Every structure is written in C-alpha cells, then in structure tokens.
Amino acid sequence: MLEDAKKQLYAALPYANIDPESVLRLESPEKTIEVSIPMRHDDGTLKMYNAFRCHYDTTLGPAKGGIRYHPHVDKDHVQALAFWMTFKCAAVKVPFGGAKGGVSIDPKKLSNRELERISKAYISAFADFIGPEVDIPAPDLGTNERVMGWMYSEYRRIRGGNPRAIITGKPVPLGGIVGRSSATGYGGYYVLETLLNKYLDKIKLPSKDNLRIAIQGFGNVGYWFAEKCFKNHIKVVAYIFRYL
C-alpha cells in the first residue's frame, strides 16, 4: 500500500520544484511504532491485538492523523495513510505533519465495554509517542467521538492536567468542536459542488437535478455527505458497502 502511495509522489515530481534530498526524505516514514496490546474480553478470555502509530513527516509541525480500527490494519497500512496525511496537511497549509495509527481489530464484534478497554489500552501503549507538541490523534474508520473521549480520559489519567489539545474529534463537553462529526462528509459535498459548478456542462447534465449519486459506506463520512446531498436536492440512489 505504501509503495502504491509513493507512485503519486513520483508522478507529481515533474510539476513541483522539490530538491532530491527532500524526495529522499519523503520516501520513508520518520518512525513507526508497533506494539501488542492485551485486552480481556467480557467472557474472561485474554487476546493480543497488533497496534500501530506512524509519524511519516513532521517538517511542518506536530504529526496529525486518525486512529483506525479494522481487521486489515498493519504497519504498511498506517504508513501509507500517514504518507497521505503529510501531503493533505501541506496542501491546505496547516502547521502539521502526517501521522496515522490503528489497531488490527473488528470494532463491530466488540461490546461497548470491550471497545472502551481497547481504546484506553491503545493510549496507554502510545502515551510516550503522542502529545500536543508531538502527535495529535483523531477519529478515523471504526472510531468516533466516543472512542476519542475514552482516549482523552486515559491520556489525562496518565499525564495529569487538562491536556485538551491532545486529541481532536472528542465530545464537545470534553473540549471537542461543534460540527466536527459532520465536517469530513460536508467537505466532500463542497468538493462535489465545486466540481459540478465548474464541469457540469462537460458531463452532459442540464442541471444538478439530473444527478444521481452512489456513496461508498454510510458511516462517519457517508452519512453526512448523504445528508448534505439531500438538503441540496441531489438524489442518492445507492450505498456501496465495502469493508476495507
């Protein structure tokens, strides 16, 4: 996955004024930590789960990126996602580097108590690797504001104080931002709207009323994207569930 991601870097080089040494640095992540997290299930059984956190590049500032819960998460997976986060932050000129993390686990098969345990165990394992000036996690596939709230509480228990800048995507009472849950889905809609305004005539549609949309997934992003389409009279006709 990382090798495929780097093909985008090489494809962009002819259009960018980047010195060879910078390219060399961007070909490899700064650091990646892999740990095994023990988690006791509700039935009393203890299982070990692989967990990861990657800082791909911190040239622009502290690393920033989500934490993903999915059975296919591995080191290559989080490195590729951290690679893309590096360029995402740079493209919109925010003072963050790229990071990503995850646990190789299926959150749909966990009870709420198990989900809380694995979330707190993740922060306990990576507490020395994250921080407001080092690495700021966020929700991603398989995680949400409730998970971020558990993680924030665990980090606060370990470090003390009131470090609200450690994690974004928390519940509002814990220092989260109103509108954070819908932001990514709404952002996707605004991209669609911009493209339609610019290229509607080229895709041979007389108006947006003739547009039909299929959405992959219906979670943290897909739901809010669909809501925004509905409010703007764009018809959603299908949801494609592909559990990557």
C-alpha atoms as a PDB file:
ATOM      1  CA  MET A   1       0.000   0.000   0.000  1.00  0.00           C
ATOM      2  CA  LEU A   2       2.837   2.404   0.793  1.00  0.00           C
ATOM      3  CA  GLU A   3       4.622   1.610  -2.457  1.00  0.00           C
ATOM      4  CA  ASP A   4       1.422   2.356  -4.365  1.00  0.00           C
ATOM      5  CA  ALA A   5       1.054   5.631  -2.453  1.00  0.00           C
ATOM      6  CA  LYS A   6       4.598   6.695  -3.321  1.00  0.00           C
ATOM      7  CA  LYS A   7       3.788   6.359  -7.023  1.00  0.00           C
ATOM      8  CA  GLN A   8       1.711   9.514  -6.557  1.00  0.00           C
ATOM      9  CA  LEU A   9       4.775  11.297  -5.205  1.00  0.00           C
ATOM     10  CA  TYR A  10       6.836  10.304  -8.237  1.00  0.00           C
ATOM     11  CA  ALA A  11       4.026  11.301 -10.616  1.00  0.00           C
ATOM     12  CA  ALA A  12       3.903  14.775  -9.037  1.00  0.00           C
ATOM     13  CA  LEU A  13       7.642  15.447  -9.156  1.00  0.00           C
ATOM     14  CA  PRO A  14       7.696  16.824 -12.735  1.00  0.00           C
ATOM     15  CA  TYR A  15       5.243  19.523 -11.630  1.00  0.00           C
ATOM     16  CA  ALA A  16       6.942  20.502  -8.364  1.00  0.00           C
ATOM     17  CA  ASN A  17      10.186  22.235  -7.524  1.00  0.00           C
ATOM     18  CA  ILE A  18      11.480  19.737  -4.954  1.00  0.00           C
ATOM     19  CA  ASP A  19      15.147  19.039  -4.365  1.00  0.00           C
ATOM     20  CA  PRO A  20      16.353  15.398  -4.500  1.00  0.00           C
ATOM     21  CA  GLU A  21      17.166  15.257  -0.782  1.00  0.00           C
ATOM     22  CA  SER A  22      13.612  16.231   0.142  1.00  0.00           C
ATOM     23  CA  VAL A  23      12.284  13.495  -2.142  1.00  0.00           C
ATOM     24  CA  LEU A  24      14.606  11.031  -0.430  1.00  0.00           C
ATOM     25  CA  ARG A  25      13.214  12.002   2.975  1.00  0.00           C
ATOM     26  CA  LEU A  26       9.622  11.686   1.746  1.00  0.00           C
ATOM     27  CA  GLU A  27      10.196   8.147   0.513  1.00  0.00           C
ATOM     28  CA  SER A  28      10.363   6.773   4.074  1.00  0.00           C
ATOM     29  CA  PRO A  29       8.465   7.466   7.313  1.00  0.00           C
ATOM     30  CA  GLU A  30      10.312   9.117  10.191  1.00  0.00           C
ATOM     31  CA  LYS A  31       9.242   6.491  12.706  1.00  0.00           C
ATOM     32  CA  THR A  32       6.706   3.735  13.180  1.00  0.00           C
ATOM     33  CA  ILE A  33       5.883   2.028  16.470  1.00  0.00           C
ATOM     34  CA  GLU A  34       4.267  -1.413  16.607  1.00  0.00           C
ATOM     35  CA  VAL A  35       3.029  -2.927  19.854  1.00  0.00           C
ATOM     36  CA  SER A  36       0.942  -5.862  21.024  1.00  0.00           C
ATOM     37  CA  ILE A  37      -1.980  -4.809  23.208  1.00  0.00           C
ATOM     38  CA  PRO A  38      -3.552  -7.277  25.655  1.00  0.00           C
ATOM     39  CA  MET A  39      -7.299  -6.937  26.032  1.00  0.00           C
ATOM     40  CA  ARG A  40      -9.580  -9.024  28.223  1.00  0.00           C
ATOM     41  CA  HIS A  41     -12.956  -9.717  26.660  1.00  0.00           C
ATOM     42  CA  ASP A  42     -16.240  -9.783  28.512  1.00  0.00           C
ATOM     43  CA  ASP A  43     -16.173 -13.597  28.639  1.00  0.00           C
ATOM     44  CA  GLY A  44     -12.873 -13.501  30.520  1.00  0.00           C
ATOM     45  CA  THR A  45     -10.591 -14.500  27.642  1.00  0.00           C
ATOM     46  CA  LEU A  46      -7.403 -12.509  27.059  1.00  0.00           C
ATOM     47  CA  LYS A  47      -6.387 -11.746  23.484  1.00  0.00           C
ATOM     48  CA  MET A  48      -3.482  -9.845  21.970  1.00  0.00           C
ATOM     49  CA  TYR A  49      -4.021  -7.263  19.249  1.00  0.00           C
ATOM     50  CA  ASN A  50      -1.445  -5.599  16.996  1.00  0.00           C
ATOM     51  CA  ALA A  51      -1.471  -1.813  17.196  1.00  0.00           C
ATOM     52  CA  PHE A  52       0.484   0.833  15.280  1.00  0.00           C
ATOM     53  CA  ARG A  53       1.317   4.544  15.150  1.00  0.00           C
ATOM     54  CA  CYS A  54       3.339   6.161  12.388  1.00  0.00           C
ATOM     55  CA  HIS A  55       4.860   9.657  12.177  1.00  0.00           C
ATOM     56  CA  TYR A  56       5.560   9.998   8.481  1.00  0.00           C
ATOM     57  CA  ASP A  57       6.918  13.536   8.380  1.00  0.00           C
ATOM     58  CA  THR A  58       6.946  16.373  10.939  1.00  0.00           C
ATOM     59  CA  THR A  59       8.667  19.096   8.916  1.00  0.00           C
ATOM     60  CA  LEU A  60       5.662  21.422   9.202  1.00  0.00           C
ATOM     61  CA  GLY A  61       4.808  20.704  12.822  1.00  0.00           C
ATOM     62  CA  PRO A  62       3.428  18.025  15.160  1.00  0.00           C
ATOM     63  CA  ALA A  63       2.143  14.893  13.476  1.00  0.00           C
ATOM     64  CA  LYS A  64      -1.629  14.735  12.904  1.00  0.00           C
ATOM     65  CA  GLY A  65      -3.770  11.789  11.889  1.00  0.00           C
ATOM     66  CA  GLY A  66      -6.562   9.420  12.815  1.00  0.00           C
ATOM     67  CA  ILE A  67      -6.711   6.106  14.645  1.00  0.00           C
ATOM     68  CA  ARG A  68      -8.316   3.312  12.655  1.00  0.00           C
ATOM     69  CA  TYR A  69      -9.935   0.114  13.985  1.00  0.00           C
ATOM     70  CA  HIS A  70     -10.072  -2.531  11.275  1.00  0.00           C
ATOM     71  CA  PRO A  71      -9.048  -6.197  10.889  1.00  0.00           C
ATOM     72  CA  HIS A  72      -6.724  -5.380   7.963  1.00  0.00           C
ATOM     73  CA  VAL A  73      -4.727  -2.664   9.723  1.00  0.00           C
ATOM     74  CA  ASP A  74      -0.980  -3.350   9.602  1.00  0.00           C
ATOM     75  CA  LYS A  75       2.277  -1.390   9.519  1.00  0.00           C
ATOM     76  CA  ASP A  76       2.194  -0.842   5.750  1.00  0.00           C
ATOM     77  CA  HIS A  77      -1.416   0.343   6.006  1.00  0.00           C
ATOM     78  CA  VAL A  78      -0.774   3.054   8.606  1.00  0.00           C
ATOM     79  CA  GLN A  79       2.432   4.188   6.876  1.00  0.00           C
ATOM     80  CA  ALA A  80       0.558   4.737   3.613  1.00  0.00           C
ATOM     81  CA  LEU A  81      -2.229   6.641   5.366  1.00  0.00           C
ATOM     82  CA  ALA A  82       0.330   8.758   7.238  1.00  0.00           C
ATOM     83  CA  PHE A  83       2.015   9.474   3.893  1.00  0.00           C
ATOM     84  CA  TRP A  84      -1.254  10.863   2.524  1.00  0.00           C
ATOM     85  CA  MET A  85      -1.877  12.852   5.716  1.00  0.00           C
ATOM     86  CA  THR A  86       1.528  14.507   5.268  1.00  0.00           C
ATOM     87  CA  PHE A  87       0.528  15.847   1.862  1.00  0.00           C
ATOM     88  CA  LYS A  88      -3.020  16.679   2.904  1.00  0.00           C
ATOM     89  CA  CYS A  89      -1.774  18.974   5.677  1.00  0.00           C
ATOM     90  CA  ALA A  90       0.842  20.530   3.411  1.00  0.00           C
ATOM     91  CA  ALA A  91      -1.646  21.136   0.580  1.00  0.00           C
ATOM     92  CA  VAL A  92      -4.011  23.160   2.776  1.00  0.00           C
ATOM     93  CA  LYS A  93      -1.102  24.872   4.563  1.00  0.00           C
ATOM     94  CA  VAL A  94      -1.868  23.837   8.127  1.00  0.00           C
ATOM     95  CA  PRO A  95       1.112  23.551  10.525  1.00  0.00           C
ATOM     96  CA  PHE A  96       1.009  19.791  10.989  1.00  0.00           C
ATOM     97  CA  GLY A  97       2.895  16.777   9.752  1.00  0.00           C
ATOM     98  CA  GLY A  98       1.352  13.461   8.801  1.00  0.00           C
ATOM     99  CA  ALA A  99       0.554  10.586  11.145  1.00  0.00           C
ATOM    100  CA  LYS A 100      -1.781   7.613  11.346  1.00  0.00           C
ATOM    101  CA  GLY A 101      -2.491   4.808  13.748  1.00  0.00           C
ATOM    102  CA  GLY A 102      -4.665   1.807  14.178  1.00  0.00           C
ATOM    103  CA  VAL A 103      -5.492  -1.493  15.791  1.00  0.00           C
ATOM    104  CA  SER A 104      -5.973  -4.748  13.898  1.00  0.00           C
ATOM    105  CA  ILE A 105      -9.421  -5.466  15.294  1.00  0.00           C
ATOM    106  CA  ASP A 106     -13.048  -5.564  14.160  1.00  0.00           C
ATOM    107  CA  PRO A 107     -14.917  -2.977  16.262  1.00  0.00           C
ATOM    108  CA  LYS A 108     -18.273  -4.366  15.115  1.00  0.00           C
ATOM    109  CA  LYS A 109     -17.569  -7.539  17.097  1.00  0.00           C
ATOM    110  CA  LEU A 110     -16.803  -5.732  20.356  1.00  0.00           C
ATOM    111  CA  SER A 111     -19.146  -4.765  23.146  1.00  0.00           C
ATOM    112  CA  ASN A 112     -19.075  -1.180  24.386  1.00  0.00           C
ATOM    113  CA  ARG A 113     -17.009  -2.239  27.398  1.00  0.00           C
ATOM    114  CA  GLU A 114     -14.513  -4.066  25.178  1.00  0.00           C
ATOM    115  CA  LEU A 115     -14.306  -1.073  22.864  1.00  0.00           C
ATOM    116  CA  GLU A 116     -13.528   1.154  25.830  1.00  0.00           C
ATOM    117  CA  ARG A 117     -10.842  -1.240  27.081  1.00  0.00           C
ATOM    118  CA  ILE A 118      -9.007  -1.479  23.762  1.00  0.00           C
ATOM    119  CA  SER A 119      -9.213   2.306  23.279  1.00  0.00           C
ATOM    120  CA  LYS A 120      -7.707   3.056  26.677  1.00  0.00           C
ATOM    121  CA  ALA A 121      -5.114   0.301  26.194  1.00  0.00           C
ATOM    122  CA  TYR A 122      -4.059   1.922  22.902  1.00  0.00           C
ATOM    123  CA  ILE A 123      -3.408   5.259  24.592  1.00  0.00           C
ATOM    124  CA  SER A 124      -1.592   3.587  27.456  1.00  0.00           C
ATOM    125  CA  ALA A 125       0.703   1.858  24.958  1.00  0.00           C
ATOM    126  CA  PHE A 126       1.417   5.025  22.950  1.00  0.00           C
ATOM    127  CA  ALA A 127       1.293   7.703  25.670  1.00  0.00           C
ATOM    128  CA  ASP A 128       5.017   8.426  25.261  1.00  0.00           C
ATOM    129  CA  PHE A 129       4.637   8.714  21.474  1.00  0.00           C
ATOM    130  CA  ILE A 130       1.822  11.284  21.335  1.00  0.00           C
ATOM    131  CA  GLY A 131       1.168  14.738  22.797  1.00  0.00           C
ATOM    132  CA  PRO A 132       0.009  18.242  21.772  1.00  0.00           C
ATOM    133  CA  GLU A 133       3.519  19.182  20.604  1.00  0.00           C
ATOM    134  CA  VAL A 134       4.345  15.751  19.147  1.00  0.00           C
ATOM    135  CA  ASP A 135       1.383  13.891  17.661  1.00  0.00           C
ATOM    136  CA  ILE A 136      -2.352  14.653  17.826  1.00  0.00           C
ATOM    137  CA  PRO A 137      -4.661  11.680  17.112  1.00  0.00           C
ATOM    138  CA  ALA A 138      -8.186  11.920  15.706  1.00  0.00           C
ATOM    139  CA  PRO A 139     -11.083   9.593  14.809  1.00  0.00           C
ATOM    140  CA  ASP A 140     -10.965   7.502  11.649  1.00  0.00           C
ATOM    141  CA  LEU A 141     -12.549   4.355  10.230  1.00  0.00           C
ATOM    142  CA  GLY A 142     -14.056   2.324  13.077  1.00  0.00           C
ATOM    143  CA  THR A 143     -13.630   5.068  15.694  1.00  0.00           C
ATOM    144  CA  ASN A 144     -15.765   8.057  16.676  1.00  0.00           C
ATOM    145  CA  GLU A 145     -16.092  10.854  19.233  1.00  0.00           C
ATOM    146  CA  ARG A 146     -16.981   8.408  21.997  1.00  0.00           C
ATOM    147  CA  VAL A 147     -13.748   6.489  21.385  1.00  0.00           C
ATOM    148  CA  MET A 148     -11.832   9.777  21.325  1.00  0.00           C
ATOM    149  CA  GLY A 149     -13.423  10.693  24.653  1.00  0.00           C
ATOM    150  CA  TRP A 150     -12.192   7.445  26.213  1.00  0.00           C
ATOM    151  CA  MET A 151      -8.735   8.034  24.785  1.00  0.00           C
ATOM    152  CA  TYR A 152      -8.616  11.610  26.061  1.00  0.00           C
ATOM    153  CA  SER A 153      -9.675  10.477  29.527  1.00  0.00           C
ATOM    154  CA  GLU A 154      -6.973   7.805  29.590  1.00  0.00           C
ATOM    155  CA  TYR A 155      -4.266  10.217  28.442  1.00  0.00           C
ATOM    156  CA  ARG A 156      -5.377  12.690  31.109  1.00  0.00           C
ATOM    157  CA  ARG A 157      -5.256   9.931  33.752  1.00  0.00           C
ATOM    158  CA  ILE A 158      -1.688   9.064  32.717  1.00  0.00           C
ATOM    159  CA  ARG A 159      -0.306  12.581  32.219  1.00  0.00           C
ATOM    160  CA  GLY A 160      -2.497  14.621  34.550  1.00  0.00           C
ATOM    161  CA  GLY A 161      -3.653  18.192  33.993  1.00  0.00           C
ATOM    162  CA  ASN A 162      -6.197  19.118  31.352  1.00  0.00           C
ATOM    163  CA  PRO A 163      -4.447  18.448  28.009  1.00  0.00           C
ATOM    164  CA  ARG A 164      -7.402  19.138  25.707  1.00  0.00           C
ATOM    165  CA  ALA A 165      -5.124  19.655  22.701  1.00  0.00           C
ATOM    166  CA  ILE A 166      -4.006  16.018  22.750  1.00  0.00           C
ATOM    167  CA  ILE A 167      -6.913  14.588  20.723  1.00  0.00           C
ATOM    168  CA  THR A 168      -9.357  16.096  18.223  1.00  0.00           C
ATOM    169  CA  GLY A 169     -12.824  14.752  17.497  1.00  0.00           C
ATOM    170  CA  LYS A 170     -13.710  14.499  21.198  1.00  0.00           C
ATOM    171  CA  PRO A 171     -17.246  15.090  22.523  1.00  0.00           C
ATOM    172  CA  VAL A 172     -17.998  18.802  22.922  1.00  0.00           C
ATOM    173  CA  PRO A 173     -18.150  18.643  26.768  1.00  0.00           C
ATOM    174  CA  LEU A 174     -14.548  17.346  26.745  1.00  0.00           C
ATOM    175  CA  GLY A 175     -13.288  20.135  24.526  1.00  0.00           C
ATOM    176  CA  GLY A 176     -14.475  18.960  21.118  1.00  0.00           C
ATOM    177  CA  ILE A 177     -15.705  21.330  18.421  1.00  0.00           C
ATOM    178  CA  VAL A 178     -19.333  21.659  17.359  1.00  0.00           C
ATOM    179  CA  GLY A 179     -19.669  20.428  13.770  1.00  0.00           C
ATOM    180  CA  ARG A 180     -16.608  18.169  13.874  1.00  0.00           C
ATOM    181  CA  SER A 181     -18.639  14.984  13.266  1.00  0.00           C
ATOM    182  CA  SER A 182     -20.129  16.266  10.028  1.00  0.00           C
ATOM    183  CA  ALA A 183     -17.069  18.174   8.787  1.00  0.00           C
ATOM    184  CA  THR A 184     -15.500  15.486   6.574  1.00  0.00           C
ATOM    185  CA  GLY A 185     -18.760  14.471   4.906  1.00  0.00           C
ATOM    186  CA  TYR A 186     -19.783  18.077   4.360  1.00  0.00           C
ATOM    187  CA  GLY A 187     -16.318  18.809   2.979  1.00  0.00           C
ATOM    188  CA  GLY A 188     -16.767  16.015   0.455  1.00  0.00           C
ATOM    189  CA  TYR A 189     -20.026  17.588  -0.643  1.00  0.00           C
ATOM    190  CA  TYR A 190     -18.409  21.003  -1.090  1.00  0.00           C
ATOM    191  CA  VAL A 191     -15.783  19.393  -3.327  1.00  0.00           C
ATOM    192  CA  LEU A 192     -18.569  17.792  -5.374  1.00  0.00           C
ATOM    193  CA  GLU A 193     -20.412  21.104  -5.586  1.00  0.00           C
ATOM    194  CA  THR A 194     -17.280  22.909  -6.800  1.00  0.00           C
ATOM    195  CA  LEU A 195     -16.647  20.282  -9.469  1.00  0.00           C
ATOM    196  CA  LEU A 196     -20.262  20.427 -10.631  1.00  0.00           C
ATOM    197  CA  ASN A 197     -20.210  24.196 -10.907  1.00  0.00           C
ATOM    198  CA  LYS A 198     -17.046  24.002 -12.974  1.00  0.00           C
ATOM    199  CA  TYR A 199     -17.664  20.921 -15.126  1.00  0.00           C
ATOM    200  CA  LEU A 200     -21.444  20.380 -15.239  1.00  0.00           C
ATOM    201  CA  ASP A 201     -21.597  21.130 -18.950  1.00  0.00           C
ATOM    202  CA  LYS A 202     -18.774  18.674 -19.695  1.00  0.00           C
ATOM    203  CA  ILE A 203     -20.564  15.714 -18.075  1.00  0.00           C
ATOM    204  CA  LYS A 204     -23.632  16.481 -20.184  1.00  0.00           C
ATOM    205  CA  LEU A 205     -26.110  17.114 -17.391  1.00  0.00           C
ATOM    206  CA  PRO A 206     -28.510  20.011 -17.870  1.00  0.00           C
ATOM    207  CA  SER A 207     -28.672  20.663 -14.091  1.00  0.00           C
ATOM    208  CA  LYS A 208     -27.860  19.187 -10.679  1.00  0.00           C
ATOM    209  CA  ASP A 209     -31.451  17.946 -10.509  1.00  0.00           C
ATOM    210  CA  ASN A 210     -30.500  15.231 -13.002  1.00  0.00           C
ATOM    211  CA  LEU A 211     -27.597  13.985 -10.917  1.00  0.00           C
ATOM    212  CA  ARG A 212     -27.719  10.576  -9.221  1.00  0.00           C
ATOM    213  CA  ILE A 213     -25.200   9.697  -6.509  1.00  0.00           C
ATOM    214  CA  ALA A 214     -23.888   6.364  -5.194  1.00  0.00           C
ATOM    215  CA  ILE A 215     -21.995   6.560  -1.895  1.00  0.00           C
ATOM    216  CA  GLN A 216     -19.419   4.070  -0.657  1.00  0.00           C
ATOM    217  CA  GLY A 217     -20.136   3.500   3.012  1.00  0.00           C
ATOM    218  CA  PHE A 218     -22.610   5.127   5.365  1.00  0.00           C
ATOM    219  CA  GLY A 219     -20.562   5.921   8.451  1.00  0.00           C
ATOM    220  CA  ASN A 220     -18.698   8.959   9.765  1.00  0.00           C
ATOM    221  CA  VAL A 221     -18.345  10.416   6.259  1.00  0.00           C
ATOM    222  CA  GLY A 222     -21.001   8.833   4.058  1.00  0.00           C
ATOM    223  CA  TYR A 223     -23.919   9.672   6.326  1.00  0.00           C
ATOM    224  CA  TRP A 224     -23.171  13.395   6.449  1.00  0.00           C
ATOM    225  CA  PHE A 225     -22.348  13.514   2.739  1.00  0.00           C
ATOM    226  CA  ALA A 226     -25.757  11.951   2.017  1.00  0.00           C
ATOM    227  CA  GLU A 227     -27.496  14.409   4.333  1.00  0.00           C
ATOM    228  CA  LYS A 228     -25.898  17.356   2.545  1.00  0.00           C
ATOM    229  CA  CYS A 229     -26.894  15.926  -0.840  1.00  0.00           C
ATOM    230  CA  PHE A 230     -30.477  15.517   0.361  1.00  0.00           C
ATOM    231  CA  LYS A 231     -30.637  19.087   1.649  1.00  0.00           C
ATOM    232  CA  ASN A 232     -29.401  20.341  -1.731  1.00  0.00           C
ATOM    233  CA  HIS A 233     -31.821  18.217  -3.775  1.00  0.00           C
ATOM    234  CA  ILE A 234     -29.221  15.781  -5.137  1.00  0.00           C
ATOM    235  CA  LYS A 235     -30.651  12.287  -5.237  1.00  0.00           C
ATOM    236  CA  VAL A 236     -28.718   9.465  -3.563  1.00  0.00           C
ATOM    237  CA  VAL A 237     -29.706   6.179  -5.224  1.00  0.00           C
ATOM    238  CA  ALA A 238     -27.254   3.636  -3.731  1.00  0.00           C
ATOM    239  CA  TYR A 239     -24.869   2.904  -0.901  1.00  0.00           C
ATOM    240  CA  ILE A 240     -21.922   0.644  -1.585  1.00  0.00           C
ATOM    241  CA  PHE A 241     -20.618  -1.172   1.483  1.00  0.00           C
ATOM    242  CA  ARG A 242     -17.050  -2.254   1.026  1.00  0.00           C
ATOM    243  CA  TYR A 243     -15.425  -3.064   4.354  1.00  0.00           C
ATOM    244  CA  LEU A 244     -11.786  -2.256   3.506  1.00  0.00           C
END
